[in-house]
Every structure is written in C-alpha cells, then in structure tokens.
C-alpha atoms as a PDB file:
ATOM      1  CA  MET A   1      16.000  13.799  -3.447  1.00  0.00           C
ATOM      2  CA  SER A   2      14.294  16.236  -6.051  1.00  0.00           C
ATOM      3  CA  ARG A   3      11.184  16.176  -5.702  1.00  0.00           C
ATOM      4  CA  LYS A   4       9.102  14.806  -8.678  1.00  0.00           C
ATOM      5  CA  ILE A   5      11.028  11.962  -7.695  1.00  0.00           C
ATOM      6  CA  ALA A   6       9.735  11.858  -4.630  1.00  0.00           C
ATOM      7  CA  GLY A   7       6.167  12.278  -5.254  1.00  0.00           C
ATOM      8  CA  PHE A   8       6.639   9.397  -8.177  1.00  0.00           C
ATOM      9  CA  LEU A   9       6.444   7.565  -5.382  1.00  0.00           C
ATOM     10  CA  ILE A  10       4.287   8.739  -3.181  1.00  0.00           C
ATOM     11  CA  ILE A  11       2.218   8.195  -5.854  1.00  0.00           C
ATOM     12  CA  ILE A  12       3.861   5.166  -7.192  1.00  0.00           C
ATOM     13  CA  GLY A  13       3.420   4.049  -3.071  1.00  0.00           C
ATOM     14  CA  ALA A  14      -0.541   4.627  -2.570  1.00  0.00           C
ATOM     15  CA  PHE A  15      -1.607   3.009  -6.351  1.00  0.00           C
ATOM     16  CA  MET A  16      -0.331   0.101  -5.311  1.00  0.00           C
ATOM     17  CA  VAL A  17      -1.764   0.315  -2.212  1.00  0.00           C
ATOM     18  CA  PHE A  18      -5.112   0.563  -4.102  1.00  0.00           C
ATOM     19  CA  GLU A  19      -4.086  -1.852  -6.832  1.00  0.00           C
ATOM     20  CA  TRP A  20      -2.824  -4.843  -4.278  1.00  0.00           C
ATOM     21  CA  ILE A  21      -6.178  -3.948  -1.896  1.00  0.00           C
ATOM     22  CA  ASN A  22      -8.803  -3.971  -4.742  1.00  0.00           C
ATOM     23  CA  LEU A  23      -7.369  -6.891  -6.412  1.00  0.00           C
ATOM     24  CA  GLY A  24      -8.161  -8.829  -2.615  1.00  0.00           C
ATOM     25  CA  PHE A  25     -11.719  -7.539  -2.384  1.00  0.00           C
ATOM     26  CA  ASN A  26     -12.270  -8.753  -5.749  1.00  0.00           C
ATOM     27  CA  LEU A  27     -11.036 -12.371  -5.714  1.00  0.00           C
ATOM     28  CA  ALA A  28     -14.292 -15.263  -6.737  1.00  0.00           C
ATOM     29  CA  ASP A  29     -14.920 -17.185  -4.811  1.00  0.00           C
ATOM     30  CA  GLY A  30     -14.272 -21.287  -5.252  1.00  0.00           C
ATOM     31  CA  HIS A  31     -10.794 -21.571  -5.374  1.00  0.00           C
ATOM     32  CA  PRO A  32      -8.262 -24.111  -4.102  1.00  0.00           C
ATOM     33  CA  THR A  33      -7.207 -22.788  -0.356  1.00  0.00           C
ATOM     34  CA  GLY A  34      -4.076 -22.599  -1.863  1.00  0.00           C
ATOM     35  CA  PHE A  35      -5.211 -19.850  -4.416  1.00  0.00           C
ATOM     36  CA  TYR A  36      -6.156 -17.051  -1.546  1.00  0.00           C
ATOM     37  CA  VAL A  37      -2.666 -17.813   0.918  1.00  0.00           C
ATOM     38  CA  VAL A  38      -0.493 -17.248  -2.168  1.00  0.00           C
ATOM     39  CA  HIS A  39      -2.452 -14.666  -3.818  1.00  0.00           C
ATOM     40  CA  GLY A  40      -2.750 -13.433   0.749  1.00  0.00           C
ATOM     41  CA  ILE A  41       0.603 -13.394   1.380  1.00  0.00           C
ATOM     42  CA  LEU A  42       1.080 -11.346  -2.183  1.00  0.00           C
ATOM     43  CA  ILE A  43      -1.302  -9.453  -1.249  1.00  0.00           C
ATOM     44  CA  ALA A  44      -0.174  -8.295   1.921  1.00  0.00           C
ATOM     45  CA  VAL A  45       4.084  -8.140   0.977  1.00  0.00           C
ATOM     46  CA  ASN A  46       3.105  -5.189  -1.696  1.00  0.00           C
ATOM     47  CA  VAL A  47       1.241  -3.657   0.562  1.00  0.00           C
ATOM     48  CA  VAL A  48       3.085  -2.848   2.971  1.00  0.00           C
ATOM     49  CA  LEU A  49       5.949  -2.574  -0.056  1.00  0.00           C
ATOM     50  CA  GLY A  50       3.835   0.221  -1.122  1.00  0.00           C
ATOM     51  CA  VAL A  51       3.618   1.548   2.204  1.00  0.00           C
ATOM     52  CA  VAL A  52       6.954   1.653   2.823  1.00  0.00           C
ATOM     53  CA  LEU A  53       7.397   3.467  -0.007  1.00  0.00           C
ATOM     54  CA  ALA A  54       5.018   5.477   0.371  1.00  0.00           C
ATOM     55  CA  LEU A  55       6.962   6.974   3.471  1.00  0.00           C
ATOM     56  CA  ILE A  56      10.311   6.580   1.132  1.00  0.00           C
ATOM     57  CA  GLY A  57       8.930   9.514  -1.073  1.00  0.00           C
ATOM     58  CA  TRP A  58       6.540  11.465   1.847  1.00  0.00           C
ATOM     59  CA  ARG A  59      10.325  11.662   3.875  1.00  0.00           C
ATOM     60  CA  GLY A  60      12.531  12.896   0.790  1.00  0.00           C
ATOM     61  CA  TYR A  61       9.620  15.220  -0.207  1.00  0.00           C
ATOM     62  CA  ARG A  62      10.113  16.570   3.350  1.00  0.00           C
ATOM     63  CA  GLY A  63      13.406  17.279   3.048  1.00  0.00           C
ATOM     64  CA  ALA A  64      13.716  18.916  -0.999  1.00  0.00           C
ATOM     65  CA  VAL A  65      10.924  21.273   0.714  1.00  0.00           C
ATOM     66  CA  ARG A  66      12.933  21.865   4.017  1.00  0.00           C
ATOM     67  CA  GLN A  67      16.118  21.988   1.753  1.00  0.00           C
ATOM     68  CA  LYS A  68      14.898  25.017  -0.733  1.00  0.00           C
ATOM     69  CA  GLY A  69      13.598  26.554   1.543  1.00  0.00           C
END
C-alpha cells in the first residue's frame, strides 16, 4: 500500500469517527425510541468502521515507511 492511500484511509477513518460521534451529540429530543435505537446502531457501526479504516491505514503507512527507509 502506498503512503498516499494509507494517509487517505487514516483521514477518512478519523473523519468518520468525528462525524458520527458529532451526529450522536446533535440528535434532537422528541423522537420515538426506535429512532434512537436505529441511529445508535448506525453510529456504533460507523464508528467501528472508521476505527478499522484508520488502523488499516496506519498499518499500511508504517509498512510503506519501513519499505522505503
């Protein structure tokens, strides 16, 4: 994996984590419970995916640096 692709994955992962946690804090009150359950599941899954993408990017970046240097 190239350093550019690894960096892109790290940025996308960090953005996903930030964006979905931000969405969780911005959910307005007054919705039915099902709304919060569905959005809670969406937030949890996407935060996990963001962390996984960032970790894959980090490992790819470290591997690219080791190969180059």
